[in-house]
């Protein structure tokens, strides 16, 4: 199993984790104006989710990333059920920072972040059926930088109490990540990165402060898999329901994904498009740990098999950058 160190911690994790957002099923986001937006991934089968997690465990995957708001606690509960009796074999990551109504399946924002952290941690421990969290991540990506010291203070106390081992922040702001990463037990920054969206500044912060780069949406919410076309549609309870794949930008993305697929196929490389996209991330940074989502065992199997092919060559990376019309970053 291809492994990587989780930032400055002494934790060794599989180079790919499982992202458990989709596992939460349908849930809604309550906007400030009172409107509701679906932010789940449609209907999901808990039994299939558990089978997928067990398949991953048997294959050597030991890193699982979820959040309190994914399915309003459902993802954490199902993950806790799946890991029963195997807790000591995994590195478990979850997130905090929003108000979760488990009964109504609604998530909303709050200004009272700091006073709620301890209770949110206790709630996640309960749902996950564990007495400690390996990586506890701040989920509010746009939190004011000047207030993050208070967040870190509470997290350090939770470390001292043994409730959590390490912490991190899910953000795409290099300046904020730079500040947060200086926390004594901060070991990971979760960030958006995929073939169509390179973020050298964020990767540089992780390098400077010895942080793992946990890569969310490594397959571009499905766009990088090559399984979408201009006529693809999604259910009303799927966060992608509003996507117009006939618009200019999505159409260009689809064309570029196809160009990458053709480049590899012409060279006799049998990797699927999803496997190419994951290999691009591993090659882009030796700190990167992608956490692709899943609904089925088949999806997990395909993603795990990406590890068997290894990294991309320098030439392949350059050609992909050319397809996406950006300057190549050679490391």
Protein backbone atom coordinates (compact mmCIF):
# COMPACT_ATOMS: atom_id res chain seq x y z
CA UNK A 1 0.00 0.00 0.00
CA UNK A 2 1.25 3.41 -1.10
CA UNK A 3 1.55 5.52 2.10
CA UNK A 4 2.33 9.07 3.16
CA UNK A 5 3.05 10.88 6.43
CA UNK A 6 0.25 13.06 7.74
CA UNK A 7 2.08 16.36 7.94
CA UNK A 8 4.24 16.96 10.99
CA UNK A 9 2.52 14.19 12.91
CA UNK A 10 3.93 10.71 13.34
CA UNK A 11 0.85 9.24 11.67
CA UNK A 12 1.29 7.21 8.49
CA UNK A 13 -1.74 7.01 6.25
CA UNK A 14 -2.63 5.40 2.96
CA UNK A 15 -1.86 7.86 0.17
CA UNK A 16 -5.56 7.89 -0.65
CA UNK A 17 -8.32 8.20 1.91
CA UNK A 18 -12.07 7.83 1.57
CA UNK A 19 -14.10 11.04 1.54
CA UNK A 20 -17.43 10.38 3.25
CA UNK A 21 -19.51 13.40 2.16
CA UNK A 22 -21.70 11.47 -0.29
CA UNK A 23 -22.21 8.78 2.32
CA UNK A 24 -24.38 11.21 4.29
CA UNK A 25 -27.17 11.13 1.70
CA UNK A 26 -29.53 14.09 1.19
CA UNK A 27 -29.39 17.11 3.51
CA UNK A 28 -30.10 20.82 3.23
CA UNK A 29 -28.21 24.04 3.83
CA UNK A 30 -30.18 26.88 5.46
CA UNK A 31 -29.20 30.21 3.90
CA UNK A 32 -29.24 33.47 5.87
CA UNK A 33 -32.30 34.60 3.87
CA UNK A 34 -34.24 31.50 4.92
CA UNK A 35 -33.95 29.61 1.64
CA UNK A 36 -32.83 25.97 1.57
CA UNK A 37 -30.24 24.45 -0.77
CA UNK A 38 -29.58 20.71 -1.22
CA UNK A 39 -25.94 19.99 -0.46
CA UNK A 40 -25.92 16.22 -0.32
CA UNK A 41 -25.30 13.74 -3.12
CA UNK A 42 -28.73 12.18 -3.43
CA UNK A 43 -29.96 8.88 -2.08
CA UNK A 44 -27.45 6.46 -0.62
CA UNK A 45 -27.55 2.87 0.66
CA UNK A 46 -25.97 2.58 4.12
CA UNK A 47 -25.30 -1.13 3.65
CA UNK A 48 -23.41 -0.45 0.41
CA UNK A 49 -21.46 2.34 2.15
CA UNK A 50 -20.38 -0.09 4.86
CA UNK A 51 -19.42 -2.72 2.29
CA UNK A 52 -17.30 -0.10 0.49
CA UNK A 53 -15.55 0.90 3.72
CA UNK A 54 -14.84 -2.75 4.56
CA UNK A 55 -13.48 -3.33 1.05
CA UNK A 56 -11.17 -0.33 1.48
CA UNK A 57 -9.96 -1.56 4.85
CA UNK A 58 -9.13 -4.99 3.43
CA UNK A 59 -7.25 -3.29 0.58
CA UNK A 60 -5.09 -1.32 3.04
CA UNK A 61 -6.87 2.05 3.17
CA UNK A 62 -6.62 3.43 6.69
CA UNK A 63 -7.64 7.10 6.32
CA UNK A 64 -11.29 8.16 6.44
CA UNK A 65 -12.50 11.76 6.27
CA UNK A 66 -16.00 12.88 7.24
CA UNK A 67 -17.72 15.87 8.89
CA UNK A 68 -20.50 16.52 11.37
CA UNK A 69 -22.64 18.17 8.71
CA UNK A 70 -22.41 15.40 6.09
CA UNK A 71 -25.96 14.11 6.18
CA UNK A 72 -26.40 15.94 9.50
CA UNK A 73 -24.52 13.28 11.42
CA UNK A 74 -25.46 10.34 9.21
CA UNK A 75 -22.02 9.99 7.63
CA UNK A 76 -20.34 9.93 11.05
CA UNK A 77 -22.83 7.39 12.40
CA UNK A 78 -22.46 5.02 9.44
CA UNK A 79 -18.68 5.36 9.50
CA UNK A 80 -18.63 4.60 13.23
CA UNK A 81 -20.74 1.52 12.59
CA UNK A 82 -18.48 0.34 9.77
CA UNK A 83 -15.32 0.76 11.86
CA UNK A 84 -16.62 -1.09 14.92
CA UNK A 85 -13.88 -3.36 16.21
CA UNK A 86 -11.30 -1.81 13.85
CA UNK A 87 -10.84 1.64 15.36
CA UNK A 88 -7.19 1.01 16.21
CA UNK A 89 -6.43 0.24 12.56
CA UNK A 90 -7.55 3.58 11.10
CA UNK A 91 -6.79 7.30 11.12
CA UNK A 92 -10.11 9.04 11.55
CA UNK A 93 -10.72 12.64 10.47
CA UNK A 94 -13.84 14.72 10.92
CA UNK A 95 -14.79 18.42 10.93
CA UNK A 96 -16.64 21.06 12.94
CA UNK A 97 -17.85 24.63 12.59
CA UNK A 98 -21.55 24.56 11.64
CA UNK A 99 -24.88 24.07 13.41
CA UNK A 100 -26.18 20.58 12.69
CA UNK A 101 -29.86 19.70 13.21
CA UNK A 102 -29.81 15.89 13.07
CA UNK A 103 -33.59 15.54 13.26
CA UNK A 104 -34.52 18.06 10.54
CA UNK A 105 -31.39 17.27 8.45
CA UNK A 106 -30.55 20.95 8.15
CA UNK A 107 -27.16 22.68 8.55
CA UNK A 108 -26.70 26.40 9.13
CA UNK A 109 -23.95 28.87 9.99
CA UNK A 110 -23.28 30.48 13.34
CA UNK A 111 -21.12 33.31 14.66
CA UNK A 112 -20.58 31.46 17.95
CA UNK A 113 -17.88 29.13 16.65
CA UNK A 114 -15.51 29.02 19.63
CA UNK A 115 -18.05 28.38 22.43
CA UNK A 116 -19.48 25.44 20.44
CA UNK A 117 -16.26 23.57 19.60
CA UNK A 118 -16.14 21.37 22.70
CA UNK A 119 -19.76 20.23 22.38
CA UNK A 120 -19.35 19.64 18.65
CA UNK A 121 -16.37 17.43 19.41
CA UNK A 122 -18.37 15.45 21.98
CA UNK A 123 -21.22 15.02 19.47
CA UNK A 124 -18.84 13.70 16.81
CA UNK A 125 -17.23 11.31 19.30
CA UNK A 126 -20.69 9.98 20.14
CA UNK A 127 -21.73 9.48 16.52
CA UNK A 128 -18.39 7.92 15.55
CA UNK A 129 -18.46 5.65 18.62
CA UNK A 130 -14.89 6.51 19.57
CA UNK A 131 -13.17 8.27 22.44
CA UNK A 132 -10.68 10.22 20.31
CA UNK A 133 -10.39 11.81 16.86
CA UNK A 134 -7.08 11.58 15.03
CA UNK A 135 -7.54 14.71 12.91
CA UNK A 136 -10.13 17.35 13.86
CA UNK A 137 -10.58 19.92 11.11
CA UNK A 138 -12.10 23.39 11.20
CA UNK A 139 -14.69 23.35 8.42
CA UNK A 140 -15.59 27.04 8.06
CA UNK A 141 -13.31 27.94 5.15
CA UNK A 142 -13.81 31.72 5.25
CA UNK A 143 -13.44 32.35 8.98
CA UNK A 144 -11.70 35.69 9.79
CA UNK A 145 -7.97 35.08 10.16
CA UNK A 146 -7.68 37.36 13.18
CA UNK A 147 -10.07 35.10 15.10
CA UNK A 148 -8.38 31.79 14.37
CA UNK A 149 -6.08 31.99 17.41
CA UNK A 150 -9.11 31.43 19.66
CA UNK A 151 -10.04 28.35 17.63
CA UNK A 152 -6.53 26.95 17.95
CA UNK A 153 -6.53 27.57 21.72
CA UNK A 154 -9.60 25.37 22.18
CA UNK A 155 -8.18 22.70 19.86
CA UNK A 156 -4.91 22.62 21.83
CA UNK A 157 -6.92 22.05 25.02
CA UNK A 158 -8.74 19.15 23.35
CA UNK A 159 -5.34 17.71 22.40
CA UNK A 160 -4.19 18.01 26.02
CA UNK A 161 -7.35 16.18 27.16
CA UNK A 162 -6.87 13.36 24.65
CA UNK A 163 -10.12 14.12 22.79
CA UNK A 164 -8.21 14.80 19.58
CA UNK A 165 -4.64 14.02 18.49
CA UNK A 166 -4.05 16.62 15.76
CA UNK A 167 -6.05 19.30 13.98
CA UNK A 168 -6.25 21.20 10.69
CA UNK A 169 -8.29 23.64 8.64
CA UNK A 170 -10.30 23.13 5.47
CA UNK A 171 -9.66 26.38 3.60
CA UNK A 172 -8.48 27.67 0.24
CA UNK A 173 -7.03 30.89 1.63
CA UNK A 174 -3.19 30.74 1.64
CA UNK A 175 -2.91 33.58 4.17
CA UNK A 176 -5.30 31.90 6.58
CA UNK A 177 -3.63 28.52 6.14
CA UNK A 178 -0.25 30.16 6.82
CA UNK A 179 -1.45 31.44 10.20
CA UNK A 180 -3.38 28.33 11.27
CA UNK A 181 -0.53 25.99 10.31
CA UNK A 182 1.64 27.54 13.03
CA UNK A 183 -0.53 25.95 15.71
CA UNK A 184 1.60 23.41 17.66
CA UNK A 185 -0.64 20.46 16.75
CA UNK A 186 -1.83 21.64 13.34
CA UNK A 187 -0.76 18.97 10.86
CA UNK A 188 -3.03 19.27 7.82
CA UNK A 189 -4.67 21.76 5.51
CA UNK A 190 -7.60 20.45 3.51
CA UNK A 191 -7.78 22.15 0.13
CA UNK A 192 -9.31 21.97 -3.31
CA UNK A 193 -6.99 20.61 -6.00
CA UNK A 194 -7.56 18.69 -9.20
CA UNK A 195 -6.29 18.55 -12.77
CA UNK A 196 -8.36 21.56 -13.80
CA UNK A 197 -7.54 23.57 -10.67
CA UNK A 198 -3.93 23.85 -9.57
CA UNK A 199 -3.12 25.84 -6.39
CA UNK A 200 0.65 26.33 -6.06
CA UNK A 201 0.28 28.90 -3.27
CA UNK A 202 -1.65 26.51 -1.04
CA UNK A 203 0.80 23.68 -1.70
CA UNK A 204 3.68 26.02 -0.86
CA UNK A 205 2.16 26.83 2.54
CA UNK A 206 1.87 23.11 3.31
CA UNK A 207 5.48 22.60 2.29
CA UNK A 208 6.73 25.52 4.38
CA UNK A 209 4.92 24.43 7.55
CA UNK A 210 5.22 20.64 7.17
CA UNK A 211 1.48 20.14 6.67
CA UNK A 212 -0.29 17.34 4.87
CA UNK A 213 -2.40 18.49 1.93
CA UNK A 214 -5.73 16.70 2.28
CA UNK A 215 -7.27 17.02 -1.17
CA UNK A 216 -11.03 17.38 -1.24
CA UNK A 217 -12.98 16.92 -4.49
CA UNK A 218 -9.92 15.43 -6.23
CA UNK A 219 -12.17 14.28 -9.06
CA UNK A 220 -13.87 17.65 -9.42
CA UNK A 221 -17.19 16.36 -8.02
CA UNK A 222 -17.17 13.79 -10.82
CA UNK A 223 -16.09 16.10 -13.62
CA UNK A 224 -12.59 14.56 -13.78
CA UNK A 225 -13.88 10.98 -14.16
CA UNK A 226 -14.83 11.31 -17.82
CA UNK A 227 -18.28 9.93 -16.99
CA UNK A 228 -20.10 13.21 -17.64
CA UNK A 229 -21.21 14.74 -20.90
CA UNK A 230 -23.16 17.85 -21.89
CA UNK A 231 -26.47 16.00 -21.42
CA UNK A 232 -25.75 14.71 -17.91
CA UNK A 233 -28.29 15.68 -15.24
CA UNK A 234 -28.60 15.09 -11.50
CA UNK A 235 -31.49 14.49 -9.05
CA UNK A 236 -32.99 17.43 -7.20
CA UNK A 237 -31.42 16.29 -3.92
CA UNK A 238 -27.93 16.22 -5.46
CA UNK A 239 -25.70 19.28 -4.92
CA UNK A 240 -24.89 19.19 -8.66
CA UNK A 241 -28.54 19.53 -9.68
CA UNK A 242 -28.06 23.15 -10.76
CA UNK A 243 -25.08 22.40 -13.01
CA UNK A 244 -25.54 23.40 -16.63
CA UNK A 245 -23.04 21.21 -18.43
CA UNK A 246 -23.89 22.91 -21.73
CA UNK A 247 -22.46 26.20 -20.49
CA UNK A 248 -19.11 27.35 -21.87
CA UNK A 249 -16.86 26.49 -18.91
CA UNK A 250 -18.26 22.97 -18.18
CA UNK A 251 -18.16 22.19 -21.90
CA UNK A 252 -14.50 23.19 -22.01
CA UNK A 253 -13.78 21.05 -18.96
CA UNK A 254 -15.43 18.03 -20.57
CA UNK A 255 -13.37 18.57 -23.73
CA UNK A 256 -10.14 18.81 -21.74
CA UNK A 257 -10.89 15.66 -19.75
CA UNK A 258 -11.46 13.83 -23.03
CA UNK A 259 -8.19 15.21 -24.41
CA UNK A 260 -6.30 13.85 -21.39
CA UNK A 261 -8.02 10.47 -21.73
CA UNK A 262 -7.10 10.29 -25.42
CA UNK A 263 -3.49 11.21 -24.68
CA UNK A 264 -3.12 8.26 -22.31
CA UNK A 265 -5.09 5.86 -24.49
CA UNK A 266 -2.95 6.69 -27.53
CA UNK A 267 0.12 5.82 -25.46
CA UNK A 268 -1.38 2.45 -24.49
CA UNK A 269 -1.94 3.48 -20.86
CA UNK A 270 -5.01 1.59 -19.58
CA UNK A 271 -5.75 3.81 -16.59
CA UNK A 272 -9.29 5.12 -16.29
CA UNK A 273 -9.77 8.87 -16.29
CA UNK A 274 -10.40 8.86 -12.52
CA UNK A 275 -7.14 6.95 -11.99
CA UNK A 276 -5.25 9.47 -14.13
CA UNK A 277 -6.72 12.34 -12.10
CA UNK A 278 -5.62 10.76 -8.82
CA UNK A 279 -2.13 10.03 -10.16
CA UNK A 280 -1.84 13.69 -11.21
CA UNK A 281 -2.47 14.75 -7.61
CA UNK A 282 0.08 12.33 -6.12
CA UNK A 283 2.64 13.49 -8.66
CA UNK A 284 1.85 17.17 -8.11
CA UNK A 285 2.81 17.02 -4.43
CA UNK A 286 4.34 14.36 -2.21
CA UNK A 287 2.24 15.76 0.65
CA UNK A 288 -1.05 15.33 -1.18
CA UNK A 289 -3.58 12.81 0.13
CA UNK A 290 -6.70 12.79 -2.07
CA UNK A 291 -9.99 11.74 -0.49
CA UNK A 292 -12.34 10.89 -3.39
CA UNK A 293 -15.98 10.39 -2.48
CA UNK A 294 -17.94 7.24 -3.15
CA UNK A 295 -21.36 5.62 -3.10
CA UNK A 296 -20.45 2.12 -4.23
CA UNK A 297 -17.85 -0.59 -3.78
CA UNK A 298 -17.07 -0.33 -7.50
CA UNK A 299 -16.08 3.33 -7.18
CA UNK A 300 -13.81 2.59 -4.23
CA UNK A 301 -12.21 -0.32 -6.07
CA UNK A 302 -11.47 1.79 -9.16
CA UNK A 303 -9.91 4.56 -7.07
CA UNK A 304 -7.75 2.20 -5.02
CA UNK A 305 -6.46 0.55 -8.20
CA UNK A 306 -5.04 3.94 -9.20
CA UNK A 307 -2.24 3.29 -6.70
CA UNK A 308 -1.07 0.25 -8.64
CA UNK A 309 -0.09 2.37 -11.65
CA UNK A 310 2.25 4.71 -9.79
CA UNK A 311 2.98 8.37 -10.47
CA UNK A 312 2.88 10.20 -13.80
CA UNK A 313 6.02 11.05 -15.72
CA UNK A 314 7.36 14.58 -16.08
CA UNK A 315 6.36 14.50 -19.74
CA UNK A 316 2.80 13.47 -18.91
CA UNK A 317 2.49 16.26 -16.35
CA UNK A 318 3.75 18.81 -18.89
CA UNK A 319 1.27 17.62 -21.52
CA UNK A 320 -1.62 17.85 -19.06
CA UNK A 321 -0.62 21.41 -18.19
CA UNK A 322 -0.59 22.19 -21.92
CA UNK A 323 -4.10 20.80 -22.30
CA UNK A 324 -5.27 23.01 -19.43
CA UNK A 325 -3.37 25.97 -20.89
CA UNK A 326 -1.22 26.74 -17.87
CA UNK A 327 2.49 26.87 -17.24
CA UNK A 328 3.95 23.57 -16.09
CA UNK A 329 5.09 23.34 -12.47
CA UNK A 330 7.96 20.87 -12.32
CA UNK A 331 8.86 19.48 -8.89
